[in-house]
Amino acid sequence: MPQSLGKSGNFSSKARSNSRIWGDLSSIEMIGGGSRVPIFIRTVSEAFGMETQRTLNSSECIARGAGLFQP
């Protein structure tokens, strides 16, 4: 595994172990360009112990979110 993906998996594992809401998660939605890279999808799935989802338009949802939270 490339070193950068190892760091992603390590970050995901730390986020999972430090999260107080871990039991409330029911899915992981992959968005943006990285959501199309198979090894990244696999790394995130393994780190969180669940399959990732792609139910939203990966690019459009980022723009919508930015519009909602723009000051």
Protein backbone atom coordinates (compact mmCIF):
# COMPACT_ATOMS: atom_id res chain seq x y z
CA MET A 1 0.00 0.00 0.00
CA PRO A 2 1.39 3.46 -0.85
CA GLN A 3 2.55 5.43 2.18
CA SER A 4 -0.05 8.17 1.64
CA LEU A 5 -2.90 5.64 1.77
CA GLY A 6 -1.41 4.13 4.90
CA LYS A 7 -1.67 7.57 6.48
CA SER A 8 -5.30 7.82 5.36
CA GLY A 9 -6.10 4.49 6.96
CA ASN A 10 -4.29 5.52 10.14
CA PHE A 11 -6.24 8.80 10.25
CA SER A 12 -9.52 6.94 9.70
CA SER A 13 -8.68 4.47 12.47
CA LYS A 14 -7.84 7.30 14.89
CA ALA A 15 -11.03 9.15 13.98
CA ARG A 16 -13.00 5.99 14.63
CA SER A 17 -11.37 5.27 18.00
CA ASN A 18 -11.65 8.88 19.21
CA SER A 19 -15.21 9.43 18.03
CA ARG A 20 -18.01 9.63 20.54
CA ILE A 21 -20.62 8.99 17.85
CA TRP A 22 -19.17 5.82 16.32
CA GLY A 23 -22.17 3.74 17.34
CA ASP A 24 -24.48 6.19 15.56
CA LEU A 25 -22.86 5.76 12.12
CA SER A 26 -24.94 3.79 9.68
CA SER A 27 -23.03 4.51 6.47
CA ILE A 28 -20.07 6.32 4.94
CA GLU A 29 -20.78 8.47 1.89
CA MET A 30 -17.83 8.88 -0.48
CA ILE A 31 -17.76 12.27 -2.23
CA GLY A 32 -15.31 14.16 -4.43
CA GLY A 33 -12.62 12.94 -6.78
CA GLY A 34 -11.09 10.50 -4.29
CA SER A 35 -14.35 8.59 -4.16
CA ARG A 36 -13.52 7.15 -7.58
CA VAL A 37 -10.14 5.62 -6.60
CA PRO A 38 -10.60 1.92 -5.80
CA ILE A 39 -7.69 1.59 -3.35
CA PHE A 40 -8.88 4.65 -1.40
CA ILE A 41 -12.41 3.25 -1.23
CA ARG A 42 -11.04 -0.07 0.04
CA THR A 43 -8.80 1.66 2.63
CA VAL A 44 -11.71 3.68 4.05
CA SER A 45 -14.00 0.62 4.09
CA GLU A 46 -11.40 -1.42 5.97
CA ALA A 47 -10.63 1.38 8.45
CA PHE A 48 -14.30 1.92 9.33
CA GLY A 49 -15.36 -1.71 9.05
CA MET A 50 -18.28 -1.01 6.71
CA GLU A 51 -18.91 -0.59 3.01
CA THR A 52 -18.81 2.91 1.58
CA GLN A 53 -21.77 4.39 -0.30
CA ARG A 54 -22.00 6.57 -3.40
CA THR A 55 -25.64 7.58 -3.43
CA LEU A 56 -25.04 11.30 -4.10
CA ASN A 57 -23.55 13.02 -7.13
CA SER A 58 -19.91 13.04 -6.00
CA SER A 59 -19.07 16.47 -7.39
CA GLU A 60 -22.40 18.27 -7.10
CA CYS A 61 -22.87 17.59 -3.38
CA ILE A 62 -19.61 19.40 -2.55
CA ALA A 63 -20.79 22.53 -4.36
CA ARG A 64 -24.19 22.34 -2.66
CA GLY A 65 -22.58 21.99 0.76
CA ALA A 66 -20.26 24.93 0.10
CA GLY A 67 -23.27 27.03 -0.90
CA LEU A 68 -25.15 26.11 2.27
CA PHE A 69 -22.28 26.98 4.61
CA GLN A 70 -21.01 30.09 2.84
CA PRO A 71 -20.95 33.04 5.29
